[in-house]
Amino acid sequence: MSVYFEIYEIVRRIPRGKVLTYGLISHMIGGRMSAQGVGWAMKALGGPKKATSNKEEYNSRTVPWQRVVNASGGTSTHKIAEIPLGLQQELLEREGIKFNEEGKMELDKYLWVEGLS
C-alpha cells in the first residue's frame, strides 16, 4: 500500500468534529513522511472542484482533508490555489469546531487522541 493511501485511511477514520495534525499523522506512519509530506498527500487529493467523480477511491470528496490542521491549531490551505480561501475553517466550523479571532482552535479540545493509541 502506498504511504499516501495509508495517510488517507488514517484521515478517513478521524471523526466529525475532531482533527489530527500533519505531524501526528507523520508519527502514526512511523515517520516515513515528514509533516510536510503529509501536507503533500493532502494536496494530492485535489481541490473540491477537481473531484467531480468518485472513480478514484481517494479524492477530496472521499477523504475528510479538512480535519488535518497545523501544529498550532490553524488551517494551512490558504497556500493552495485550488481551495477557496476560508473553506477549511468553514467546513470545520460546520462540524462544531470553534476558532478564535486569530483563526486557531483549542487543539486539546478537538484533537482526536483516541486515534493516536
N, C-alpha and C. Protein backbone atom coordinates (compact mmCIF):
# COMPACT_ATOMS: atom_id res chain seq x y z
N MET A 1 0.85 -1.18 0.00
CA MET A 1 0.00 0.00 0.00
C MET A 1 0.89 1.25 0.00
N SER A 2 0.57 2.17 -0.84
CA SER A 2 1.29 3.44 -0.90
C SER A 2 1.16 4.18 0.43
N VAL A 3 2.20 4.88 0.80
CA VAL A 3 2.15 5.66 2.03
C VAL A 3 1.05 6.72 1.96
N TYR A 4 0.79 7.27 0.78
CA TYR A 4 -0.31 8.22 0.64
C TYR A 4 -1.62 7.55 1.00
N PHE A 5 -1.83 6.34 0.52
CA PHE A 5 -3.08 5.63 0.81
C PHE A 5 -3.20 5.35 2.30
N GLU A 6 -2.09 5.05 2.94
CA GLU A 6 -2.07 4.82 4.38
C GLU A 6 -2.50 6.10 5.12
N ILE A 7 -1.99 7.23 4.67
CA ILE A 7 -2.37 8.52 5.25
C ILE A 7 -3.87 8.76 5.05
N TYR A 8 -4.36 8.51 3.85
CA TYR A 8 -5.78 8.73 3.56
C TYR A 8 -6.67 7.85 4.45
N GLU A 9 -6.25 6.63 4.70
CA GLU A 9 -7.04 5.74 5.56
C GLU A 9 -7.07 6.26 7.00
N ILE A 10 -5.98 6.81 7.47
CA ILE A 10 -5.97 7.43 8.81
C ILE A 10 -6.93 8.61 8.83
N VAL A 11 -6.85 9.47 7.83
CA VAL A 11 -7.70 10.67 7.79
C VAL A 11 -9.18 10.27 7.70
N ARG A 12 -9.48 9.22 6.98
CA ARG A 12 -10.88 8.76 6.89
C ARG A 12 -11.44 8.35 8.25
N ARG A 13 -10.59 7.95 9.18
CA ARG A 13 -11.05 7.50 10.49
C ARG A 13 -11.28 8.66 11.48
N ILE A 14 -10.81 9.84 11.15
CA ILE A 14 -10.98 10.98 12.07
C ILE A 14 -12.47 11.31 12.14
N PRO A 15 -13.06 11.25 13.34
CA PRO A 15 -14.50 11.53 13.45
C PRO A 15 -14.84 13.00 13.20
N ARG A 16 -16.06 13.23 12.85
CA ARG A 16 -16.60 14.57 12.67
C ARG A 16 -16.36 15.36 13.97
N GLY A 17 -15.88 16.60 13.83
CA GLY A 17 -15.64 17.44 14.99
C GLY A 17 -14.30 17.21 15.67
N LYS A 18 -13.47 16.38 15.07
CA LYS A 18 -12.14 16.09 15.62
C LYS A 18 -11.10 16.34 14.54
N VAL A 19 -9.84 16.52 14.93
CA VAL A 19 -8.76 16.79 13.99
C VAL A 19 -7.49 16.03 14.39
N LEU A 20 -6.59 15.91 13.45
CA LEU A 20 -5.21 15.48 13.70
C LEU A 20 -4.31 16.51 13.04
N THR A 21 -3.08 16.58 13.49
CA THR A 21 -2.11 17.48 12.85
C THR A 21 -1.29 16.71 11.83
N TYR A 22 -0.68 17.45 10.94
CA TYR A 22 0.20 16.84 9.94
C TYR A 22 1.31 16.05 10.64
N GLY A 23 1.87 16.63 11.70
CA GLY A 23 2.96 15.98 12.42
C GLY A 23 2.54 14.70 13.12
N LEU A 24 1.34 14.70 13.70
CA LEU A 24 0.87 13.48 14.36
C LEU A 24 0.63 12.37 13.35
N ILE A 25 0.11 12.71 12.20
CA ILE A 25 -0.09 11.69 11.16
C ILE A 25 1.26 11.15 10.72
N SER A 26 2.25 12.03 10.59
CA SER A 26 3.61 11.59 10.26
C SER A 26 4.09 10.57 11.28
N HIS A 27 3.87 10.86 12.55
CA HIS A 27 4.26 9.94 13.62
C HIS A 27 3.50 8.61 13.50
N MET A 28 2.22 8.67 13.17
CA MET A 28 1.39 7.46 13.07
C MET A 28 1.86 6.53 11.95
N ILE A 29 2.51 7.08 10.94
CA ILE A 29 3.01 6.23 9.85
C ILE A 29 4.50 5.94 10.04
N GLY A 30 4.96 6.09 11.25
CA GLY A 30 6.33 5.75 11.58
C GLY A 30 7.36 6.70 11.03
N GLY A 31 6.96 7.94 10.75
CA GLY A 31 7.89 8.94 10.25
C GLY A 31 8.37 8.70 8.83
N ARG A 32 7.67 7.83 8.10
CA ARG A 32 8.08 7.56 6.71
C ARG A 32 7.88 8.77 5.81
N MET A 33 7.09 9.72 6.24
CA MET A 33 6.96 11.01 5.57
C MET A 33 6.96 12.07 6.66
N SER A 34 7.51 13.21 6.36
CA SER A 34 7.51 14.33 7.31
C SER A 34 6.10 14.93 7.38
N ALA A 35 5.93 15.86 8.31
CA ALA A 35 4.66 16.59 8.38
C ALA A 35 4.39 17.28 7.05
N GLN A 36 5.42 17.83 6.45
CA GLN A 36 5.27 18.48 5.15
C GLN A 36 4.84 17.45 4.09
N GLY A 37 5.38 16.26 4.15
CA GLY A 37 4.99 15.20 3.23
C GLY A 37 3.53 14.83 3.38
N VAL A 38 3.03 14.84 4.61
CA VAL A 38 1.60 14.59 4.84
C VAL A 38 0.79 15.69 4.17
N GLY A 39 1.28 16.91 4.24
CA GLY A 39 0.62 18.03 3.55
C GLY A 39 0.59 17.80 2.04
N TRP A 40 1.67 17.28 1.49
CA TRP A 40 1.69 16.97 0.05
C TRP A 40 0.65 15.92 -0.30
N ALA A 41 0.51 14.93 0.58
CA ALA A 41 -0.50 13.89 0.36
C ALA A 41 -1.90 14.50 0.35
N MET A 42 -2.16 15.42 1.27
CA MET A 42 -3.47 16.08 1.31
C MET A 42 -3.69 16.91 0.04
N LYS A 43 -2.66 17.60 -0.40
CA LYS A 43 -2.77 18.41 -1.61
C LYS A 43 -3.02 17.53 -2.84
N ALA A 44 -2.44 16.34 -2.86
CA ALA A 44 -2.60 15.43 -4.00
C ALA A 44 -4.04 14.95 -4.17
N LEU A 45 -4.87 15.12 -3.13
CA LEU A 45 -6.28 14.73 -3.25
C LEU A 45 -7.00 15.61 -4.27
N GLY A 46 -6.47 16.78 -4.53
CA GLY A 46 -7.11 17.72 -5.44
C GLY A 46 -8.11 18.59 -4.68
N GLY A 47 -8.38 19.72 -5.23
CA GLY A 47 -9.33 20.63 -4.60
C GLY A 47 -10.75 20.16 -4.76
N PRO A 48 -11.69 20.79 -4.06
CA PRO A 48 -13.09 20.38 -4.10
C PRO A 48 -13.70 20.43 -5.50
N LYS A 49 -13.23 21.32 -6.34
CA LYS A 49 -13.79 21.42 -7.69
C LYS A 49 -13.24 20.33 -8.61
N LYS A 50 -12.05 19.82 -8.30
CA LYS A 50 -11.43 18.81 -9.14
C LYS A 50 -12.12 17.45 -9.00
N ALA A 51 -12.60 17.14 -7.81
CA ALA A 51 -13.19 15.83 -7.55
C ALA A 51 -14.62 15.79 -8.06
N THR A 52 -14.76 15.61 -9.35
CA THR A 52 -16.09 15.60 -9.95
C THR A 52 -16.68 14.21 -10.07
N SER A 53 -15.86 13.18 -9.94
CA SER A 53 -16.38 11.82 -9.98
C SER A 53 -15.79 11.02 -8.83
N ASN A 54 -16.43 9.95 -8.51
CA ASN A 54 -15.92 9.09 -7.45
C ASN A 54 -15.23 7.87 -8.02
N LYS A 55 -14.71 7.98 -9.25
CA LYS A 55 -13.98 6.87 -9.84
C LYS A 55 -12.72 6.57 -9.06
N GLU A 56 -12.08 7.62 -8.54
CA GLU A 56 -10.88 7.45 -7.73
C GLU A 56 -11.32 7.17 -6.29
N GLU A 57 -10.69 6.17 -5.69
CA GLU A 57 -11.04 5.83 -4.31
C GLU A 57 -10.71 6.96 -3.34
N TYR A 58 -9.62 7.65 -3.61
CA TYR A 58 -9.18 8.73 -2.72
C TYR A 58 -9.22 10.05 -3.46
N ASN A 59 -10.08 10.95 -3.00
CA ASN A 59 -10.13 12.31 -3.53
C ASN A 59 -10.69 13.22 -2.45
N SER A 60 -10.83 14.49 -2.75
CA SER A 60 -11.25 15.45 -1.72
C SER A 60 -12.69 15.25 -1.27
N ARG A 61 -13.46 14.42 -1.96
CA ARG A 61 -14.82 14.10 -1.50
C ARG A 61 -14.87 12.84 -0.65
N THR A 62 -13.89 11.97 -0.79
CA THR A 62 -13.92 10.70 -0.06
C THR A 62 -12.99 10.70 1.16
N VAL A 63 -12.14 11.69 1.27
CA VAL A 63 -11.22 11.81 2.40
C VAL A 63 -11.47 13.17 3.06
N PRO A 64 -11.83 13.20 4.35
CA PRO A 64 -12.13 14.49 5.00
C PRO A 64 -10.87 15.30 5.31
N TRP A 65 -10.25 15.81 4.28
CA TRP A 65 -8.99 16.54 4.33
C TRP A 65 -9.03 17.72 5.30
N GLN A 66 -10.20 18.30 5.48
CA GLN A 66 -10.32 19.49 6.32
C GLN A 66 -9.98 19.18 7.78
N ARG A 67 -9.97 17.91 8.16
CA ARG A 67 -9.71 17.52 9.54
C ARG A 67 -8.22 17.40 9.87
N VAL A 68 -7.38 17.79 8.94
CA VAL A 68 -5.93 17.78 9.18
C VAL A 68 -5.49 19.24 9.25
N VAL A 69 -4.91 19.61 10.41
CA VAL A 69 -4.55 21.00 10.66
C VAL A 69 -3.09 21.11 11.07
N ASN A 70 -2.61 22.33 11.17
CA ASN A 70 -1.21 22.51 11.56
C ASN A 70 -1.04 22.40 13.07
N ALA A 71 0.19 22.35 13.52
CA ALA A 71 0.51 22.10 14.93
C ALA A 71 0.03 23.21 15.86
N SER A 72 -0.26 24.38 15.33
CA SER A 72 -0.75 25.46 16.18
C SER A 72 -2.28 25.53 16.22
N GLY A 73 -2.94 24.56 15.57
CA GLY A 73 -4.40 24.52 15.59
C GLY A 73 -5.04 25.40 14.54
N GLY A 74 -4.29 25.73 13.52
CA GLY A 74 -4.82 26.56 12.43
C GLY A 74 -4.88 25.79 11.13
N THR A 75 -5.43 26.42 10.13
CA THR A 75 -5.51 25.81 8.81
C THR A 75 -4.34 26.29 7.96
N SER A 76 -4.00 25.50 6.95
CA SER A 76 -2.88 25.85 6.07
C SER A 76 -3.27 25.88 4.61
N THR A 77 -4.55 25.77 4.33
CA THR A 77 -4.97 25.66 2.93
C THR A 77 -4.97 26.99 2.18
N HIS A 78 -4.71 28.09 2.87
CA HIS A 78 -4.64 29.38 2.19
C HIS A 78 -3.50 29.40 1.17
N LYS A 79 -2.59 28.43 1.27
CA LYS A 79 -1.45 28.34 0.36
C LYS A 79 -1.78 27.56 -0.91
N ILE A 80 -2.99 26.98 -0.99
CA ILE A 80 -3.36 26.11 -2.11
C ILE A 80 -4.42 26.81 -2.96
N ALA A 81 -4.07 27.13 -4.17
CA ALA A 81 -4.96 27.91 -5.05
C ALA A 81 -6.28 27.19 -5.35
N GLU A 82 -6.27 25.85 -5.38
CA GLU A 82 -7.48 25.10 -5.74
C GLU A 82 -8.54 25.10 -4.63
N ILE A 83 -8.16 25.54 -3.43
CA ILE A 83 -9.09 25.53 -2.31
C ILE A 83 -9.48 26.97 -1.98
N PRO A 84 -10.77 27.29 -2.06
CA PRO A 84 -11.21 28.66 -1.77
C PRO A 84 -10.77 29.11 -0.37
N LEU A 85 -10.35 30.34 -0.27
CA LEU A 85 -9.89 30.92 0.98
C LEU A 85 -10.96 30.77 2.06
N GLY A 86 -10.58 30.22 3.20
CA GLY A 86 -11.51 30.07 4.32
C GLY A 86 -12.35 28.81 4.30
N LEU A 87 -12.27 28.01 3.23
CA LEU A 87 -13.13 26.83 3.12
C LEU A 87 -12.85 25.82 4.23
N GLN A 88 -11.58 25.54 4.52
CA GLN A 88 -11.26 24.54 5.53
C GLN A 88 -11.86 24.95 6.88
N GLN A 89 -11.66 26.18 7.28
CA GLN A 89 -12.21 26.65 8.54
C GLN A 89 -13.73 26.56 8.53
N GLU A 90 -14.35 26.95 7.44
CA GLU A 90 -15.81 26.88 7.34
C GLU A 90 -16.32 25.45 7.50
N LEU A 91 -15.67 24.50 6.84
CA LEU A 91 -16.09 23.10 6.95
C LEU A 91 -15.93 22.59 8.38
N LEU A 92 -14.85 22.97 9.04
CA LEU A 92 -14.64 22.54 10.42
C LEU A 92 -15.64 23.20 11.36
N GLU A 93 -15.98 24.45 11.11
CA GLU A 93 -16.98 25.13 11.94
C GLU A 93 -18.34 24.45 11.80
N ARG A 94 -18.66 23.96 10.61
CA ARG A 94 -19.92 23.22 10.41
C ARG A 94 -19.94 21.93 11.24
N GLU A 95 -18.75 21.42 11.57
CA GLU A 95 -18.64 20.22 12.39
C GLU A 95 -18.62 20.54 13.88
N GLY A 96 -18.74 21.82 14.22
CA GLY A 96 -18.80 22.24 15.61
C GLY A 96 -17.48 22.73 16.20
N ILE A 97 -16.46 22.82 15.39
CA ILE A 97 -15.16 23.29 15.88
C ILE A 97 -15.16 24.81 15.91
N LYS A 98 -14.73 25.35 17.03
CA LYS A 98 -14.69 26.81 17.22
C LYS A 98 -13.27 27.32 17.03
N PHE A 99 -13.17 28.45 16.35
CA PHE A 99 -11.88 29.12 16.13
C PHE A 99 -11.88 30.45 16.86
N ASN A 100 -10.71 30.87 17.33
CA ASN A 100 -10.62 32.18 17.96
C ASN A 100 -10.40 33.25 16.88
N GLU A 101 -10.25 34.48 17.30
CA GLU A 101 -10.11 35.58 16.35
C GLU A 101 -8.82 35.50 15.53
N GLU A 102 -7.87 34.70 15.97
CA GLU A 102 -6.62 34.51 15.22
C GLU A 102 -6.70 33.32 14.27
N GLY A 103 -7.88 32.69 14.19
CA GLY A 103 -8.04 31.55 13.29
C GLY A 103 -7.45 30.25 13.83
N LYS A 104 -7.38 30.13 15.14
CA LYS A 104 -6.82 28.93 15.77
C LYS A 104 -7.90 28.26 16.63
N MET A 105 -7.81 26.94 16.71
CA MET A 105 -8.71 26.18 17.58
C MET A 105 -7.93 25.72 18.81
N GLU A 106 -8.66 25.29 19.82
CA GLU A 106 -8.02 24.70 21.00
C GLU A 106 -7.74 23.24 20.67
N LEU A 107 -6.49 22.94 20.34
CA LEU A 107 -6.15 21.57 19.94
C LEU A 107 -6.46 20.56 21.02
N ASP A 108 -6.24 20.92 22.29
CA ASP A 108 -6.50 19.95 23.36
C ASP A 108 -7.98 19.58 23.44
N LYS A 109 -8.84 20.40 22.91
CA LYS A 109 -10.28 20.12 22.91
C LYS A 109 -10.71 19.29 21.69
N TYR A 110 -10.10 19.53 20.53
CA TYR A 110 -10.56 18.91 19.29
C TYR A 110 -9.67 17.80 18.74
N LEU A 111 -8.50 17.61 19.34
CA LEU A 111 -7.59 16.59 18.84
C LEU A 111 -8.17 15.20 19.04
N TRP A 112 -8.07 14.37 18.02
CA TRP A 112 -8.58 13.00 18.08
C TRP A 112 -7.55 12.11 18.76
N VAL A 113 -7.50 12.18 20.07
CA VAL A 113 -6.49 11.44 20.83
C VAL A 113 -6.73 9.94 20.80
N GLU A 114 -7.98 9.52 20.66
CA GLU A 114 -8.28 8.09 20.59
C GLU A 114 -7.60 7.44 19.39
N GLY A 115 -7.41 8.20 18.34
CA GLY A 115 -6.76 7.67 17.13
C GLY A 115 -5.28 7.51 17.27
N LEU A 116 -4.70 8.11 18.31
CA LEU A 116 -3.26 8.06 18.48
C LEU A 116 -2.78 6.79 19.18
N SER A 117 -3.71 6.07 19.77
CA SER A 117 -3.28 4.86 20.51
C SER A 117 -3.30 3.62 19.65
